[in-house]
Amino acid sequence: MLSQARVPSSSTEITRTERLAIPGLWYDTVVPTPVPGENILLDRRFQLGKVLGRGPSGVVYAATDRETEKPCAVKRLHPHYYDKDVLEQVERDAKAAAEIKHPNILSVQHTGYETSGALYLVMPLVPGETLAQRLLRGPLSLTATLPVIEPLCAALQAALDAGLCHGAVTPANILFPTAGGLLLTDFGVCNLRATPKVLWGGAMGYAAPETFAEGADLSTSRGDVFSVGAILFECLTGQRMFSATSAQTFLSSVKTPPHLGSLLPQYEHLDAVLEMAATLNPEDRFSTAGALWRALKSSLVELQERLDRDGEAAKAPARKPPVPPSTAVRLNAPRAPVERAARPVQQLPVVPLPMPELPPSLTPVAGLGVSPNPRQPDPLPPP
């Protein structure tokens, strides 16, 4: 966790608001205390300014390039990285990464050695924040996680295509510039782990377990896949996939990796991808970061299609259940005629009705009954 301790005000004091996204920093280990080195001029060119942060690999300063008068960041490796062969490998990898022209790779602009033999690296000064800093505010949604994993895999794949692996991918060297985008830094720094008797805590929980074996290759494509899987898990959950304080406890935890679906059931469909990315045996992992991203994208497409089908089914009107065939035959079969006994017709007796007596003004008309006779007026009453 980022320390909140305060120190007496000085030009080297580090505050949360002043921090920049500086390559190679493990911000969970940064302590805001003054570090000697201010106002030092390296190679009569790079004027060091305030300390921006420090981590397991070295200390990073804001600096000014006196040849161009432009700001830059200078990373001075710790003095205990004294092995000449190791430092030369770091320098070679850093220069090789600088040759890769990719929008998601932050290149080293210059390398040099101090009079003490310590290596320093010069990089652009990038205002922004690291993924480690962003995760201090909590986990990310899946929508916010994908723009992290896609360019990260693209950068690693571009490096692999150029014959270079990273070997030390952590949230601390994934940068989000203020101007937008994502940058991966610290190519070559993984070689510092080969320095004898140096405890390397920054990569614990992210570096592949096989790289902790003595004499192991510290940077492989499958090792980078492991790191991406661990970062994907942490982005979604807000907690490390493997929490360990030593190589022994780390190797033990890798044998029983946590399941994403048990913590976040809505992301259960990603468990298969994570298991194949962060499994103990490197041969069972995805071979490249590009393959991991394709599998992740395919899993998300399948999930979206399933959600779309479920949504359409919910909108469709309810249908009547189909009639079983046996019932349909029974309902559609012609009905047999029903024989009923004829009912006898009851003969009612004919009763003659008496003929009413007609008034004098009405006379019977043959075939029509009675009708008034206008030609026969009613007789006048007697006087």
Protein backbone atom coordinates (compact mmCIF):
# COMPACT_ATOMS: atom_id res chain seq x y z
CA MET A 1 0.00 0.00 0.00
CA LEU A 2 1.24 3.48 -0.81
CA SER A 3 2.67 5.08 2.28
CA GLN A 4 0.85 8.13 3.61
CA ALA A 5 3.69 9.22 5.93
CA ARG A 6 4.79 12.81 5.71
CA VAL A 7 8.30 14.20 5.88
CA PRO A 8 9.57 17.73 6.41
CA SER A 9 8.96 19.89 3.38
CA SER A 10 11.84 19.81 0.95
CA SER A 11 12.47 19.93 -2.75
CA THR A 12 12.67 16.14 -2.81
CA GLU A 13 9.40 15.48 -1.02
CA ILE A 14 6.99 13.20 -2.89
CA THR A 15 3.26 13.85 -2.80
CA ARG A 16 0.40 12.04 -4.48
CA THR A 17 -0.46 15.07 -6.57
CA GLU A 18 3.11 15.57 -7.79
CA ARG A 19 3.76 11.97 -8.80
CA LEU A 20 4.16 11.23 -12.47
CA ALA A 21 3.84 7.90 -14.18
CA ILE A 22 7.52 7.07 -14.18
CA PRO A 23 8.74 3.84 -15.75
CA GLY A 24 10.04 1.13 -13.50
CA LEU A 25 8.48 2.18 -10.24
CA TRP A 26 6.71 -0.22 -7.89
CA TYR A 27 4.56 2.40 -6.22
CA ASP A 28 3.40 0.04 -3.50
CA THR A 29 6.96 0.18 -2.15
CA VAL A 30 7.54 3.92 -2.61
CA VAL A 31 8.38 5.76 0.62
CA PRO A 32 8.21 9.58 0.46
CA THR A 33 11.60 10.35 1.93
CA PRO A 34 14.40 12.48 0.46
CA VAL A 35 16.92 10.52 -1.58
CA PRO A 36 20.37 11.94 -2.30
CA GLY A 37 21.12 12.75 -5.91
CA GLU A 38 19.55 16.11 -6.57
CA ASN A 39 21.52 18.58 -8.69
CA ILE A 40 23.86 15.86 -9.95
CA LEU A 41 24.95 16.23 -13.57
CA LEU A 42 25.35 12.89 -15.34
CA ASP A 43 27.72 12.79 -18.29
CA ARG A 44 27.71 16.59 -18.23
CA ARG A 45 24.31 16.39 -19.84
CA PHE A 46 21.45 15.22 -17.58
CA GLN A 47 20.72 17.54 -14.67
CA LEU A 48 18.89 15.59 -11.96
CA GLY A 49 16.03 17.26 -10.13
CA LYS A 50 13.61 16.04 -7.49
CA VAL A 51 13.07 12.39 -6.72
CA LEU A 52 9.87 11.08 -8.24
CA GLY A 53 9.95 7.63 -6.71
CA ARG A 54 11.96 4.54 -6.03
CA GLY A 55 11.47 0.82 -6.23
CA PRO A 56 13.38 -2.46 -6.10
CA SER A 57 15.36 -1.69 -9.24
CA GLY A 58 16.37 1.92 -8.67
CA VAL A 59 15.50 5.55 -8.07
CA VAL A 60 13.80 7.77 -10.65
CA TYR A 61 14.42 11.50 -10.91
CA ALA A 62 12.88 14.32 -12.84
CA ALA A 63 15.70 15.66 -14.97
CA THR A 64 16.59 18.08 -17.72
CA ASP A 65 18.57 17.24 -20.82
CA ARG A 66 21.01 20.17 -21.10
CA GLU A 67 21.62 19.50 -24.77
CA THR A 68 17.96 19.91 -25.71
CA GLU A 69 16.70 21.71 -22.57
CA LYS A 70 13.78 19.26 -22.50
CA PRO A 71 12.48 17.46 -19.41
CA CYS A 72 13.12 13.75 -19.06
CA ALA A 73 13.16 10.98 -16.46
CA VAL A 74 16.39 9.36 -15.33
CA LYS A 75 16.42 6.00 -13.61
CA ARG A 76 19.55 5.23 -11.63
CA LEU A 77 19.86 1.56 -10.78
CA HIS A 78 20.69 0.66 -7.20
CA PRO A 79 24.43 0.26 -6.49
CA HIS A 80 24.05 -3.40 -5.52
CA TYR A 81 23.39 -4.24 -9.16
CA TYR A 82 27.10 -4.50 -9.69
CA ASP A 83 27.32 -7.51 -12.01
CA LYS A 84 28.77 -6.19 -15.26
CA ASP A 85 27.27 -8.93 -17.45
CA VAL A 86 23.82 -8.32 -15.99
CA LEU A 87 24.01 -4.58 -16.56
CA GLU A 88 25.15 -5.07 -20.13
CA GLN A 89 22.16 -7.36 -20.77
CA VAL A 90 19.81 -4.76 -19.31
CA GLU A 91 21.34 -2.16 -21.59
CA ARG A 92 21.06 -4.41 -24.67
CA ASP A 93 17.41 -5.20 -24.02
CA ALA A 94 16.58 -1.56 -23.35
CA LYS A 95 18.16 -0.52 -26.63
CA ALA A 96 16.43 -3.37 -28.47
CA ALA A 97 13.07 -2.22 -27.14
CA ALA A 98 13.86 1.30 -28.33
CA GLU A 99 14.09 -0.06 -31.88
CA ILE A 100 10.50 -1.35 -31.72
CA LYS A 101 8.25 1.34 -33.07
CA HIS A 102 4.98 0.58 -31.35
CA PRO A 103 2.47 3.05 -29.85
CA ASN A 104 2.23 1.03 -26.61
CA ILE A 105 5.96 0.74 -25.86
CA LEU A 106 7.85 3.51 -24.05
CA SER A 107 11.42 3.46 -25.28
CA VAL A 108 14.66 4.26 -23.50
CA GLN A 109 16.25 7.29 -25.13
CA HIS A 110 19.74 7.01 -23.68
CA THR A 111 21.83 4.75 -21.45
CA GLY A 112 25.05 5.43 -19.62
CA TYR A 113 27.27 4.50 -16.70
CA GLU A 114 28.18 6.60 -13.72
CA THR A 115 31.74 6.81 -12.45
CA SER A 116 30.79 4.22 -9.82
CA GLY A 117 29.83 1.78 -12.57
CA ALA A 118 26.10 2.04 -11.93
CA LEU A 119 23.84 2.01 -14.98
CA TYR A 120 21.30 4.74 -15.62
CA LEU A 121 18.48 4.92 -18.16
CA VAL A 122 16.94 8.05 -19.67
CA MET A 123 13.30 8.00 -20.71
CA PRO A 124 10.57 10.50 -21.60
CA LEU A 125 8.84 12.14 -18.67
CA VAL A 126 5.22 10.99 -18.98
CA PRO A 127 2.56 12.76 -16.87
CA GLY A 128 -0.16 10.36 -15.84
CA GLU A 129 -0.48 7.37 -13.55
CA THR A 130 0.40 3.69 -13.45
CA LEU A 131 -2.00 0.79 -13.32
CA ALA A 132 -0.75 0.18 -9.76
CA GLN A 133 -1.90 3.65 -8.78
CA ARG A 134 -5.23 3.24 -10.51
CA LEU A 135 -5.93 -0.06 -8.74
CA LEU A 136 -5.44 1.66 -5.38
CA ARG A 137 -8.87 3.19 -6.01
CA GLY A 138 -10.47 -0.22 -6.45
CA PRO A 139 -11.10 -2.86 -9.12
CA LEU A 140 -12.03 -2.08 -12.70
CA SER A 141 -15.12 -3.11 -14.58
CA LEU A 142 -14.80 -5.50 -17.51
CA THR A 143 -15.41 -2.56 -19.84
CA ALA A 144 -12.49 -0.67 -18.27
CA THR A 145 -10.25 -3.75 -18.10
CA LEU A 146 -10.32 -4.64 -21.79
CA PRO A 147 -8.62 -1.34 -22.87
CA VAL A 148 -5.79 -2.36 -20.52
CA ILE A 149 -5.34 -5.96 -21.64
CA GLU A 150 -5.65 -5.41 -25.39
CA PRO A 151 -2.81 -2.83 -25.82
CA LEU A 152 -0.71 -4.68 -23.24
CA CYS A 153 -0.95 -7.89 -25.28
CA ALA A 154 -0.31 -5.91 -28.46
CA ALA A 155 2.90 -4.43 -27.02
CA LEU A 156 4.15 -7.82 -25.83
CA GLN A 157 3.32 -9.43 -29.16
CA ALA A 158 5.15 -6.67 -31.07
CA ALA A 159 8.19 -7.17 -28.86
CA LEU A 160 8.06 -10.94 -29.35
CA ASP A 161 7.86 -10.49 -33.10
CA ALA A 162 11.09 -8.47 -32.78
CA GLY A 163 12.68 -11.27 -30.73
CA LEU A 164 12.29 -9.65 -27.31
CA CYS A 165 10.35 -10.70 -24.21
CA HIS A 166 9.66 -8.49 -21.21
CA GLY A 167 9.93 -10.78 -18.19
CA ALA A 168 8.85 -8.25 -15.57
CA VAL A 169 5.34 -7.09 -16.46
CA THR A 170 3.65 -5.64 -13.37
CA PRO A 171 0.96 -2.98 -12.80
CA ALA A 172 3.78 -0.56 -11.91
CA ASN A 173 5.26 -0.46 -15.40
CA ILE A 174 1.95 -0.11 -17.22
CA LEU A 175 1.41 3.62 -17.70
CA PHE A 176 -1.67 5.67 -18.53
CA PRO A 177 -0.48 9.00 -19.92
CA THR A 178 -2.63 12.02 -19.26
CA ALA A 179 -2.95 12.43 -23.01
CA GLY A 180 -4.53 8.98 -23.28
CA GLY A 181 -3.44 5.50 -24.30
CA LEU A 182 -1.23 2.94 -22.57
CA LEU A 183 2.53 2.48 -22.42
CA LEU A 184 4.56 -0.54 -21.33
CA THR A 185 8.01 0.20 -19.92
CA ASP A 186 11.04 -1.43 -18.33
CA PHE A 187 12.14 -3.81 -21.03
CA GLY A 188 15.37 -5.42 -19.87
CA VAL A 189 14.87 -4.75 -16.16
CA CYS A 190 13.99 -8.42 -15.56
CA ASN A 191 17.67 -9.25 -16.07
CA LEU A 192 18.46 -7.57 -12.75
CA ARG A 193 16.94 -10.59 -11.03
CA ALA A 194 19.99 -12.54 -12.12
CA THR A 195 22.18 -10.45 -9.83
CA PRO A 196 23.47 -12.73 -7.05
CA LYS A 197 22.06 -12.31 -3.53
CA VAL A 198 19.55 -9.65 -4.53
CA LEU A 199 15.99 -9.99 -3.22
CA TRP A 200 13.56 -9.13 -5.98
CA GLY A 201 10.20 -8.38 -4.46
CA GLY A 202 8.66 -6.20 -7.16
CA ALA A 203 7.79 -9.05 -9.50
CA MET A 204 6.50 -11.39 -6.80
CA GLY A 205 3.04 -12.54 -7.75
CA TYR A 206 3.44 -11.48 -11.39
CA ALA A 207 6.60 -13.20 -12.65
CA ALA A 208 6.11 -16.77 -13.86
CA PRO A 209 7.00 -19.40 -11.21
CA GLU A 210 9.55 -21.15 -13.44
CA THR A 211 11.67 -17.98 -13.57
CA PHE A 212 12.50 -18.34 -9.87
CA ALA A 213 14.47 -21.52 -10.49
CA GLU A 214 18.23 -21.13 -10.43
CA GLY A 215 19.63 -20.51 -13.90
CA ALA A 216 16.15 -20.18 -15.45
CA ASP A 217 15.41 -18.00 -18.44
CA LEU A 218 14.00 -14.82 -16.94
CA SER A 219 12.10 -13.60 -19.99
CA THR A 220 9.94 -15.90 -22.11
CA SER A 221 6.72 -15.39 -24.01
CA ARG A 222 4.87 -17.88 -21.78
CA GLY A 223 6.23 -16.06 -18.74
CA ASP A 224 4.75 -12.81 -20.06
CA VAL A 225 1.43 -14.62 -20.58
CA PHE A 226 1.46 -15.58 -16.88
CA SER A 227 1.96 -11.93 -15.93
CA VAL A 228 -0.92 -10.77 -18.12
CA GLY A 229 -3.21 -13.39 -16.57
CA ALA A 230 -2.33 -12.23 -13.06
CA ILE A 231 -2.93 -8.59 -14.04
CA LEU A 232 -6.28 -9.45 -15.65
CA PHE A 233 -7.41 -11.13 -12.43
CA GLU A 234 -6.28 -8.16 -10.31
CA CYS A 235 -8.00 -5.62 -12.54
CA LEU A 236 -11.37 -7.35 -12.17
CA THR A 237 -11.16 -8.29 -8.49
CA GLY A 238 -8.97 -5.58 -7.00
CA GLN A 239 -6.80 -8.19 -5.29
CA ARG A 240 -3.67 -10.02 -6.35
CA MET A 241 -4.11 -13.43 -7.87
CA PHE A 242 -1.12 -14.69 -5.91
CA SER A 243 -0.19 -12.92 -2.69
CA ALA A 244 3.19 -14.00 -1.38
CA THR A 245 6.09 -12.58 0.57
CA SER A 246 8.68 -15.10 -0.60
CA ALA A 247 9.38 -17.36 -3.55
CA GLN A 248 8.41 -20.41 -1.47
CA THR A 249 4.96 -19.13 -0.52
CA PHE A 250 4.43 -17.87 -4.06
CA LEU A 251 5.19 -21.26 -5.60
CA SER A 252 2.81 -22.90 -3.14
CA SER A 253 -0.04 -20.53 -3.99
CA VAL A 254 0.37 -21.06 -7.73
CA LYS A 255 -0.52 -24.73 -7.29
CA THR A 256 -4.05 -23.75 -6.24
CA PRO A 257 -4.95 -20.61 -8.20
CA PRO A 258 -8.20 -18.84 -7.24
CA HIS A 259 -11.23 -19.04 -9.52
CA LEU A 260 -12.59 -15.78 -10.79
CA GLY A 261 -16.13 -17.16 -10.92
CA SER A 262 -16.12 -17.91 -7.19
CA LEU A 263 -15.43 -14.23 -6.45
CA LEU A 264 -17.39 -12.68 -9.31
CA PRO A 265 -20.01 -15.07 -10.71
CA GLN A 266 -20.78 -12.70 -13.58
CA TYR A 267 -17.26 -13.34 -14.94
CA GLU A 268 -17.37 -17.11 -14.61
CA HIS A 269 -17.02 -17.49 -18.38
CA LEU A 270 -13.46 -16.07 -18.12
CA ASP A 271 -12.21 -18.79 -15.77
CA ALA A 272 -11.06 -21.03 -18.60
CA VAL A 273 -8.95 -18.23 -20.12
CA LEU A 274 -7.39 -17.31 -16.77
CA GLU A 275 -6.59 -20.91 -15.90
CA MET A 276 -4.79 -21.37 -19.20
CA ALA A 277 -2.88 -18.09 -18.74
CA ALA A 278 -1.72 -18.50 -15.13
CA THR A 279 -1.29 -22.24 -14.81
CA LEU A 280 1.79 -23.65 -13.09
CA ASN A 281 3.13 -25.57 -16.08
CA PRO A 282 4.34 -23.18 -18.80
CA GLU A 283 3.64 -25.75 -21.52
CA ASP A 284 -0.07 -25.61 -20.64
CA ARG A 285 -0.27 -21.83 -21.09
CA PHE A 286 -1.01 -19.79 -24.15
CA SER A 287 2.14 -19.58 -26.22
CA THR A 288 1.95 -15.81 -26.75
CA ALA A 289 0.15 -12.76 -25.42
CA GLY A 290 -1.55 -12.43 -28.80
CA ALA A 291 -3.04 -15.91 -28.41
CA LEU A 292 -4.29 -15.00 -24.94
CA TRP A 293 -6.04 -11.90 -26.24
CA ARG A 294 -7.70 -13.82 -29.09
CA ALA A 295 -9.02 -16.42 -26.63
CA LEU A 296 -10.29 -13.69 -24.32
CA LYS A 297 -12.00 -11.87 -27.16
CA SER A 298 -13.59 -15.10 -28.42
CA SER A 299 -14.91 -15.82 -24.93
CA LEU A 300 -16.45 -12.36 -24.73
CA VAL A 301 -18.06 -12.74 -28.17
CA GLU A 302 -19.66 -16.02 -27.10
CA LEU A 303 -20.92 -14.39 -23.92
CA GLN A 304 -22.41 -11.47 -25.87
CA GLU A 305 -24.15 -13.83 -28.28
CA ARG A 306 -25.65 -15.75 -25.38
CA LEU A 307 -26.85 -12.54 -23.75
CA ASP A 308 -28.37 -11.40 -27.05
CA ARG A 309 -30.21 -14.71 -27.44
CA ASP A 310 -31.52 -14.50 -23.89
CA GLY A 311 -32.66 -10.94 -24.49
CA GLU A 312 -34.49 -11.81 -27.69
CA ALA A 313 -36.17 -14.76 -26.00
CA ALA A 314 -37.37 -12.50 -23.19
CA LYS A 315 -38.89 -10.04 -25.70
CA ALA A 316 -40.65 -12.69 -27.83
CA PRO A 317 -44.42 -13.22 -27.15
CA ALA A 318 -45.33 -16.33 -25.23
CA ARG A 319 -46.29 -19.24 -27.44
CA LYS A 320 -48.88 -21.89 -26.70
CA PRO A 321 -47.35 -25.24 -25.91
CA PRO A 322 -47.50 -27.65 -28.85
CA VAL A 323 -50.21 -30.31 -28.77
CA PRO A 324 -48.80 -33.83 -28.35
CA PRO A 325 -49.20 -35.92 -31.53
CA SER A 326 -51.47 -38.47 -29.85
CA THR A 327 -53.76 -35.69 -28.64
CA ALA A 328 -53.76 -34.02 -32.05
CA VAL A 329 -54.88 -37.27 -33.73
CA ARG A 330 -57.59 -37.73 -31.17
CA LEU A 331 -58.87 -34.16 -31.60
CA ASN A 332 -58.80 -34.18 -35.40
CA ALA A 333 -60.36 -37.67 -35.87
CA PRO A 334 -63.86 -37.68 -37.48
CA ARG A 335 -66.68 -38.34 -35.07
CA ALA A 336 -68.81 -41.46 -35.53
CA PRO A 337 -72.55 -40.77 -36.08
CA VAL A 338 -74.71 -41.27 -33.02
CA GLU A 339 -77.91 -43.29 -33.53
CA ARG A 340 -80.85 -41.86 -31.63
CA ALA A 341 -84.36 -43.41 -31.35
CA ALA A 342 -87.09 -41.46 -33.12
CA ARG A 343 -89.43 -39.67 -30.76
CA PRO A 344 -93.18 -40.27 -31.38
CA VAL A 345 -95.13 -37.15 -32.46
CA GLN A 346 -97.96 -36.48 -30.03
CA GLN A 347 -101.25 -35.76 -31.77
CA LEU A 348 -103.14 -32.99 -30.02
CA PRO A 349 -106.96 -33.01 -30.23
CA VAL A 350 -108.58 -30.41 -32.54
CA VAL A 351 -111.10 -28.30 -30.64
CA PRO A 352 -113.36 -26.11 -32.81
CA LEU A 353 -113.42 -22.48 -31.76
CA PRO A 354 -116.76 -20.62 -31.69
CA MET A 355 -117.11 -17.98 -34.36
CA PRO A 356 -117.51 -14.55 -32.85
CA GLU A 357 -120.59 -12.55 -33.79
CA LEU A 358 -119.76 -9.84 -36.30
CA PRO A 359 -120.97 -6.27 -36.08
CA PRO A 360 -123.33 -5.09 -38.78
CA SER A 361 -120.64 -2.99 -40.47
CA LEU A 362 -118.47 -6.07 -41.18
CA THR A 363 -119.44 -8.68 -43.72
CA PRO A 364 -117.55 -11.88 -44.44
CA VAL A 365 -115.48 -11.91 -47.58
CA ALA A 366 -114.88 -15.28 -49.18
CA GLY A 367 -111.33 -16.52 -48.67
CA LEU A 368 -110.23 -13.47 -46.71
CA GLY A 369 -112.19 -13.65 -43.55
CA VAL A 370 -113.94 -10.45 -42.60
CA SER A 371 -113.29 -6.97 -43.82
CA PRO A 372 -115.02 -3.64 -43.44
CA ASN A 373 -117.57 -2.80 -46.16
CA PRO A 374 -117.36 0.94 -46.91
CA ARG A 375 -120.35 0.70 -49.31
CA GLN A 376 -122.60 -0.36 -46.46
CA PRO A 377 -122.63 2.53 -44.03
CA ASP A 378 -123.85 2.04 -40.57
CA PRO A 379 -127.57 2.60 -40.22
CA LEU A 380 -128.54 5.86 -38.65
CA PRO A 381 -130.00 5.63 -35.25
CA PRO A 382 -133.82 6.02 -35.09
CA PRO A 383 -135.06 9.56 -34.45
